[in-house]
C-alpha atoms as a PDB file:
ATOM      1  CA  MET A   1      31.409 141.494 109.887  1.00  0.00           C
ATOM      2  CA  ALA A   2      33.524 138.542 108.790  1.00  0.00           C
ATOM      3  CA  SER A   3      32.237 136.045 106.288  1.00  0.00           C
ATOM      4  CA  ASN A   4      33.133 132.408 105.639  1.00  0.00           C
ATOM      5  CA  THR A   5      35.157 133.368 102.575  1.00  0.00           C
ATOM      6  CA  GLY A   6      37.980 134.904 104.609  1.00  0.00           C
ATOM      7  CA  SER A   7      37.256 138.452 103.498  1.00  0.00           C
ATOM      8  CA  ASP A   8      37.306 140.718 106.550  1.00  0.00           C
ATOM      9  CA  ARG A   9      37.124 143.979 104.613  1.00  0.00           C
ATOM     10  CA  GLU A  10      35.942 144.748 101.158  1.00  0.00           C
ATOM     11  CA  GLY A  11      38.703 143.900  98.694  1.00  0.00           C
ATOM     12  CA  HIS A  12      40.908 142.033 101.201  1.00  0.00           C
ATOM     13  CA  PHE A  13      41.226 138.262 101.254  1.00  0.00           C
ATOM     14  CA  ASP A  14      43.618 136.167 103.351  1.00  0.00           C
ATOM     15  CA  VAL A  15      44.766 133.472 100.955  1.00  0.00           C
ATOM     16  CA  ILE A  16      47.231 131.733 103.287  1.00  0.00           C
ATOM     17  CA  GLY A  17      44.875 131.798 106.255  1.00  0.00           C
ATOM     18  CA  ASN A  18      42.242 129.889 104.304  1.00  0.00           C
ATOM     19  CA  LEU A  19      44.522 127.092 103.129  1.00  0.00           C
ATOM     20  CA  PRO A  20      44.890 123.752 104.918  1.00  0.00           C
ATOM     21  CA  PRO A  21      47.528 124.015 107.687  1.00  0.00           C
ATOM     22  CA  GLU A  22      50.027 121.770 105.875  1.00  0.00           C
ATOM     23  CA  VAL A  23      49.919 123.882 102.715  1.00  0.00           C
ATOM     24  CA  ALA A  24      50.022 127.176 104.656  1.00  0.00           C
ATOM     25  CA  SER A  25      53.075 125.983 106.630  1.00  0.00           C
ATOM     26  CA  TYR A  26      54.801 124.955 103.402  1.00  0.00           C
ATOM     27  CA  ILE A  27      54.278 128.458 101.988  1.00  0.00           C
ATOM     28  CA  LEU A  28      55.323 130.180 105.208  1.00  0.00           C
ATOM     29  CA  ARG A  29      58.615 128.237 105.156  1.00  0.00           C
ATOM     30  CA  MET A  30      59.523 130.180 102.000  1.00  0.00           C
ATOM     31  CA  VAL A  31      59.016 133.571 103.661  1.00  0.00           C
ATOM     32  CA  ASP A  32      62.003 135.452 105.106  1.00  0.00           C
ATOM     33  CA  THR A  33      62.283 135.460 108.900  1.00  0.00           C
ATOM     34  CA  GLU A  34      61.511 139.164 109.474  1.00  0.00           C
ATOM     35  CA  THR A  35      58.266 138.871 107.494  1.00  0.00           C
ATOM     36  CA  LEU A  36      57.415 135.673 109.369  1.00  0.00           C
ATOM     37  CA  VAL A  37      57.880 137.442 112.717  1.00  0.00           C
ATOM     38  CA  SER A  38      55.783 140.399 111.564  1.00  0.00           C
ATOM     39  CA  GLY A  39      52.997 138.109 110.376  1.00  0.00           C
ATOM     40  CA  ALA A  40      52.977 136.253 113.700  1.00  0.00           C
ATOM     41  CA  ALA A  41      52.734 139.572 115.535  1.00  0.00           C
ATOM     42  CA  VAL A  42      49.646 140.778 113.678  1.00  0.00           C
ATOM     43  CA  CYS A  43      47.687 137.660 112.703  1.00  0.00           C
ATOM     44  CA  ARG A  44      46.427 135.050 115.164  1.00  0.00           C
ATOM     45  CA  ARG A  45      46.084 132.423 112.407  1.00  0.00           C
ATOM     46  CA  TYR A  46      49.708 132.899 111.262  1.00  0.00           C
ATOM     47  CA  ARG A  47      50.922 132.765 114.866  1.00  0.00           C
ATOM     48  CA  THR A  48      49.069 129.468 115.360  1.00  0.00           C
ATOM     49  CA  LEU A  49      50.553 128.022 112.156  1.00  0.00           C
ATOM     50  CA  ILE A  50      54.070 129.115 113.137  1.00  0.00           C
ATOM     51  CA  ARG A  51      53.791 127.651 116.638  1.00  0.00           C
ATOM     52  CA  ALA A  52      52.540 124.343 115.229  1.00  0.00           C
ATOM     53  CA  ASP A  53      55.448 123.938 112.779  1.00  0.00           C
ATOM     54  CA  PRO A  54      58.788 123.061 114.477  1.00  0.00           C
ATOM     55  CA  LEU A  55      60.893 124.597 111.689  1.00  0.00           C
ATOM     56  CA  LEU A  56      59.003 127.903 111.679  1.00  0.00           C
ATOM     57  CA  ARG A  57      58.897 128.026 115.469  1.00  0.00           C
ATOM     58  CA  GLY A  58      62.673 127.497 115.577  1.00  0.00           C
ATOM     59  CA  ARG A  59      63.322 130.277 113.068  1.00  0.00           C
ATOM     60  CA  VAL A  60      61.242 132.733 115.085  1.00  0.00           C
ATOM     61  CA  ARG A  61      62.890 131.646 118.359  1.00  0.00           C
ATOM     62  CA  ASP A  62      66.373 132.085 116.812  1.00  0.00           C
ATOM     63  CA  TYR A  63      65.379 135.524 115.518  1.00  0.00           C
ATOM     64  CA  TYR A  64      64.414 136.685 119.014  1.00  0.00           C
ATOM     65  CA  LYS A  65      67.590 135.163 120.530  1.00  0.00           C
ATOM     66  CA  ARG A  66      69.758 137.079 118.045  1.00  0.00           C
ATOM     67  CA  LYS A  67      67.766 140.236 118.682  1.00  0.00           C
ATOM     68  CA  ARG A  68      68.145 139.858 122.454  1.00  0.00           C
ATOM     69  CA  ASN A  69      71.922 139.303 122.088  1.00  0.00           C
ATOM     70  CA  ARG A  70      72.275 142.410 119.907  1.00  0.00           C
ATOM     71  CA  GLU A  71      70.415 144.489 122.492  1.00  0.00           C
ATOM     72  CA  ARG A  72      72.623 143.287 125.365  1.00  0.00           C
ATOM     73  CA  LYS A  73      74.978 145.984 126.580  1.00  0.00           C
ATOM     74  CA  PRO A  74      78.446 145.411 125.130  1.00  0.00           C
ATOM     75  CA  GLY A  75      80.194 146.136 128.446  1.00  0.00           C
ATOM     76  CA  ALA A  76      78.016 143.797 130.460  1.00  0.00           C
ATOM     77  CA  LEU A  77      80.007 140.991 132.027  1.00  0.00           C
ATOM     78  CA  ARG A  78      78.657 137.488 132.273  1.00  0.00           C
ATOM     79  CA  CYS A  79      79.727 135.175 135.038  1.00  0.00           C
ATOM     80  CA  SER A  80      81.443 132.088 133.679  1.00  0.00           C
ATOM     81  CA  ARG A  81      80.319 129.942 136.621  1.00  0.00           C
ATOM     82  CA  ARG A  82      77.262 130.018 138.838  1.00  0.00           C
ATOM     83  CA  VAL A  83      77.929 131.099 142.406  1.00  0.00           C
ATOM     84  CA  HIS A  84      75.384 131.083 145.174  1.00  0.00           C
ATOM     85  CA  PRO A  85      75.242 134.559 146.758  1.00  0.00           C
ATOM     86  CA  TYR A  86      75.564 133.132 150.277  1.00  0.00           C
ATOM     87  CA  ALA A  87      78.071 130.389 149.464  1.00  0.00           C
ATOM     88  CA  PRO A  88      80.922 130.060 151.915  1.00  0.00           C
ATOM     89  CA  THR A  89      84.292 131.299 150.770  1.00  0.00           C
ATOM     90  CA  ASN A  90      87.591 129.443 150.869  1.00  0.00           C
ATOM     91  CA  ASP A  91      90.870 130.764 152.358  1.00  0.00           C
ATOM     92  CA  GLN A  92      91.450 133.071 149.377  1.00  0.00           C
ATOM     93  CA  GLY A  93      87.985 134.662 149.658  1.00  0.00           C
ATOM     94  CA  GLU A  94      86.639 132.895 146.564  1.00  0.00           C
ATOM     95  CA  HIS A  95      83.153 131.440 146.447  1.00  0.00           C
ATOM     96  CA  SER A  96      82.655 127.732 145.909  1.00  0.00           C
ATOM     97  CA  GLU A  97      80.639 126.640 142.877  1.00  0.00           C
ATOM     98  CA  VAL A  98      76.978 125.674 143.182  1.00  0.00           C
ATOM     99  CA  GLN A  99      76.513 121.910 143.037  1.00  0.00           C
ATOM    100  CA  GLY A 100      74.791 120.682 139.867  1.00  0.00           C
ATOM    101  CA  ALA A 101      75.546 123.821 137.842  1.00  0.00           C
END
């Protein structure tokens, strides 16, 4: 059973979670990105603090973008222009570009 002091188990106390949001965000800005991501994954309070702070939210978003780019297959080709799958072709058999892309 949780108490108002922030102690969820005997001997454990969440110091950052019990601070005012401004102070907690200031402290979390000093934490490395991997630890920040781990904290957001396991603690609802930390996740809320990170989402509320634009700097922290940006760091976490950039972390996941880099991770996603590392996991992309190296041989995968990316199309340099958007082409509608049913777009008409010109005389050379090339697709015309999608308007507004």
